[in-house]
Amino acid sequence: MNGKNGGVHRQDRLLKEQTHDPYLTRSKLKEPTLCPACNVVFSGGRWQWPSEIPAAAYSTLCPACKRTRDNHPAGILTLSGRFFAGHHAEILNLINNKVEGQKAQHPMKRLMTIDEQEDGKTVITFTDTHLPRGVGQAIENAHGGTLDIHYTAEADVVRVFWER
């Protein structure tokens, strides 16, 4: 579309992505704030594991503890297949190592539940959308198989499926 002086005006524009995550803090917390459930501290503008728990701190549940309390995962990983059945303990150990490594650096990235189902599938829930993808990729890198990742923008949930 031509404007004055023969210039072109763009009619499109970048819109801020809508986030529908009810567990994100909408306003800045007072510092320090301690989560009474897990002892993570909001300080320096982010949640972090403290070297020591502050004596005088505000108190509120962190987003990861709220998700766990409400049983409202941000990510779901489903594992299945004959190979998985034969290497169950080894794969769960890989998952726990990956989760612990991420949790140490990013306290909001946590494993919530492990549900062993009667049909041989294992469903694992997470407090974060990135962790199940990373765990699934680690399993695929270590053991091959088929990895399928589905993002559902409207629910802000990632569903990851690994089978072998």
Protein backbone atom coordinates (compact mmCIF):
# COMPACT_ATOMS: atom_id res chain seq x y z
CA MET A 1 0.00 0.00 0.00
CA ASN A 2 1.47 3.33 -1.01
CA GLY A 3 1.52 6.21 1.42
CA LYS A 4 2.68 9.79 1.08
CA ASN A 5 5.90 10.23 -0.83
CA GLY A 6 5.45 6.85 -2.57
CA GLY A 7 6.48 4.85 0.51
CA VAL A 8 5.01 1.51 1.45
CA HIS A 9 3.18 1.13 4.77
CA ARG A 10 2.99 -2.29 6.30
CA GLN A 11 -0.42 -3.40 7.44
CA ASP A 12 0.90 -6.39 9.35
CA ARG A 13 2.56 -6.08 12.72
CA LEU A 14 3.99 -8.35 15.32
CA LEU A 15 1.55 -9.14 18.06
CA LYS A 16 2.67 -10.21 21.49
CA GLU A 17 2.13 -13.93 21.93
CA GLN A 18 -0.71 -14.75 24.29
CA THR A 19 0.27 -16.93 27.22
CA HIS A 20 -2.48 -18.81 28.93
CA ASP A 21 -0.41 -20.27 31.75
CA PRO A 22 -2.30 -19.58 34.99
CA TYR A 23 0.81 -20.55 36.99
CA LEU A 24 2.99 -17.72 35.76
CA THR A 25 3.36 -14.91 38.26
CA ARG A 26 1.49 -11.89 36.93
CA SER A 27 3.23 -9.33 39.13
CA LYS A 28 6.73 -9.15 40.54
CA LEU A 29 7.10 -10.85 43.89
CA LYS A 30 8.67 -9.10 46.86
CA GLU A 31 12.17 -10.31 47.57
CA PRO A 32 13.12 -12.60 49.07
CA THR A 33 10.06 -14.87 48.81
CA LEU A 34 10.31 -18.44 50.06
CA CYS A 35 8.22 -21.35 48.85
CA PRO A 36 7.20 -23.15 52.05
CA ALA A 37 6.76 -26.47 50.22
CA CYS A 38 10.17 -26.85 48.54
CA ASN A 39 12.31 -24.02 50.04
CA VAL A 40 13.12 -22.44 46.68
CA VAL A 41 13.61 -18.66 46.94
CA PHE A 42 12.53 -15.88 44.59
CA SER A 43 15.47 -13.49 44.60
CA GLY A 44 17.19 -11.44 41.95
CA GLY A 45 14.05 -11.61 39.80
CA ARG A 46 13.93 -15.41 39.53
CA TRP A 47 13.32 -18.60 41.50
CA GLN A 48 16.55 -20.25 42.65
CA TRP A 49 17.85 -22.78 45.13
CA PRO A 50 19.33 -20.83 48.04
CA SER A 51 22.69 -21.55 49.64
CA GLU A 52 20.85 -20.82 52.88
CA ILE A 53 17.22 -20.10 53.64
CA PRO A 54 16.71 -16.40 54.42
CA ALA A 55 15.62 -15.69 58.00
CA ALA A 56 13.09 -13.04 57.02
CA ALA A 57 11.28 -13.83 53.77
CA TYR A 58 7.83 -13.45 52.30
CA SER A 59 6.02 -16.73 51.67
CA THR A 60 4.13 -18.12 48.68
CA LEU A 61 4.00 -21.38 46.76
CA CYS A 62 6.24 -21.36 43.71
CA PRO A 63 4.69 -22.13 40.30
CA ALA A 64 6.10 -25.68 40.26
CA CYS A 65 4.61 -26.51 43.67
CA LYS A 66 1.26 -24.99 42.64
CA ARG A 67 1.19 -27.16 39.49
CA THR A 68 2.04 -30.24 41.54
CA ARG A 69 -0.59 -29.42 44.17
CA ASP A 70 -3.23 -28.92 41.49
CA ASN A 71 -2.05 -31.91 39.43
CA HIS A 72 -1.91 -29.63 36.36
CA PRO A 73 1.16 -30.62 34.31
CA ALA A 74 2.74 -28.42 31.65
CA GLY A 75 4.26 -31.45 29.94
CA ILE A 76 3.42 -35.12 29.56
CA LEU A 77 5.80 -37.84 28.36
CA THR A 78 4.41 -41.24 27.39
CA LEU A 79 6.83 -44.16 27.02
CA SER A 80 5.89 -47.46 25.40
CA GLY A 81 7.07 -50.43 23.37
CA ARG A 82 8.79 -53.79 23.82
CA PHE A 83 12.24 -52.22 24.05
CA PHE A 84 11.01 -49.88 26.77
CA ALA A 85 9.57 -52.82 28.71
CA GLY A 86 12.92 -54.60 28.57
CA HIS A 87 14.95 -51.51 29.53
CA HIS A 88 12.46 -49.90 31.91
CA ALA A 89 14.81 -49.32 34.88
CA GLU A 90 17.65 -48.05 32.67
CA ILE A 91 15.39 -45.54 30.90
CA LEU A 92 13.84 -44.31 34.17
CA ASN A 93 17.36 -43.81 35.54
CA LEU A 94 18.23 -41.73 32.45
CA ILE A 95 15.07 -39.67 33.00
CA ASN A 96 15.86 -39.07 36.69
CA ASN A 97 19.42 -37.99 35.87
CA LYS A 98 18.20 -35.56 33.19
CA VAL A 99 15.51 -34.15 35.51
CA GLU A 100 17.88 -33.71 38.46
CA GLY A 101 20.42 -31.93 36.26
CA GLN A 102 17.80 -29.50 34.95
CA LYS A 103 16.16 -29.00 38.34
CA ALA A 104 19.51 -28.03 39.90
CA GLN A 105 19.86 -25.15 37.44
CA HIS A 106 16.17 -24.37 36.87
CA PRO A 107 14.05 -24.99 40.00
CA MET A 108 10.75 -24.71 38.12
CA LYS A 109 11.64 -27.69 35.88
CA ARG A 110 10.46 -30.73 37.83
CA LEU A 111 9.05 -34.19 37.43
CA MET A 112 5.58 -34.43 38.99
CA THR A 113 4.39 -38.03 38.66
CA ILE A 114 5.29 -41.38 37.13
CA ASP A 115 2.25 -43.49 36.30
CA GLU A 116 2.92 -47.12 35.37
CA GLN A 117 -0.15 -48.20 33.40
CA GLU A 118 -1.53 -51.71 32.99
CA ASP A 119 -1.02 -51.66 29.21
CA GLY A 120 2.77 -51.33 29.68
CA LYS A 121 2.90 -47.61 29.01
CA THR A 122 4.47 -45.21 31.48
CA VAL A 123 3.12 -41.65 31.65
CA ILE A 124 5.34 -39.02 33.28
CA THR A 125 4.16 -35.49 34.05
CA PHE A 126 6.29 -32.37 34.39
CA THR A 127 5.93 -28.81 35.69
CA ASP A 128 7.58 -27.35 32.58
CA THR A 129 7.02 -27.54 28.82
CA HIS A 130 10.70 -27.82 27.86
CA LEU A 131 11.73 -30.66 30.17
CA PRO A 132 9.61 -33.46 28.63
CA ARG A 133 10.93 -32.57 25.17
CA GLY A 134 14.52 -32.62 26.45
CA VAL A 135 13.97 -35.90 28.28
CA GLY A 136 12.37 -37.45 25.20
CA GLN A 137 15.28 -36.32 23.03
CA ALA A 138 17.78 -37.75 25.55
CA ILE A 139 16.00 -41.11 25.41
CA GLU A 140 15.91 -41.03 21.61
CA ASN A 141 19.63 -40.14 21.46
CA ALA A 142 20.53 -42.98 23.84
CA HIS A 143 18.17 -45.70 22.58
CA GLY A 144 16.75 -44.70 19.19
CA GLY A 145 13.05 -45.29 18.74
CA THR A 146 10.34 -42.92 17.57
CA LEU A 147 9.87 -39.54 19.23
CA ASP A 148 6.73 -37.52 18.55
CA ILE A 149 6.19 -34.04 20.07
CA HIS A 150 2.86 -32.19 20.09
CA TYR A 151 2.45 -28.63 21.34
CA THR A 152 -1.04 -27.47 22.23
CA ALA A 153 -0.86 -23.68 22.29
CA GLU A 154 -4.31 -23.11 23.69
CA ALA A 155 -3.64 -25.24 26.78
CA ASP A 156 0.12 -24.45 27.02
CA VAL A 157 0.89 -28.17 27.33
CA VAL A 158 3.42 -30.27 25.45
CA ARG A 159 2.76 -33.96 24.87
CA VAL A 160 5.75 -36.13 24.04
CA PHE A 161 5.54 -39.76 22.94
CA TRP A 162 8.50 -42.13 22.72
CA GLU A 163 8.20 -45.69 21.56
CA ARG A 164 10.57 -48.54 20.80
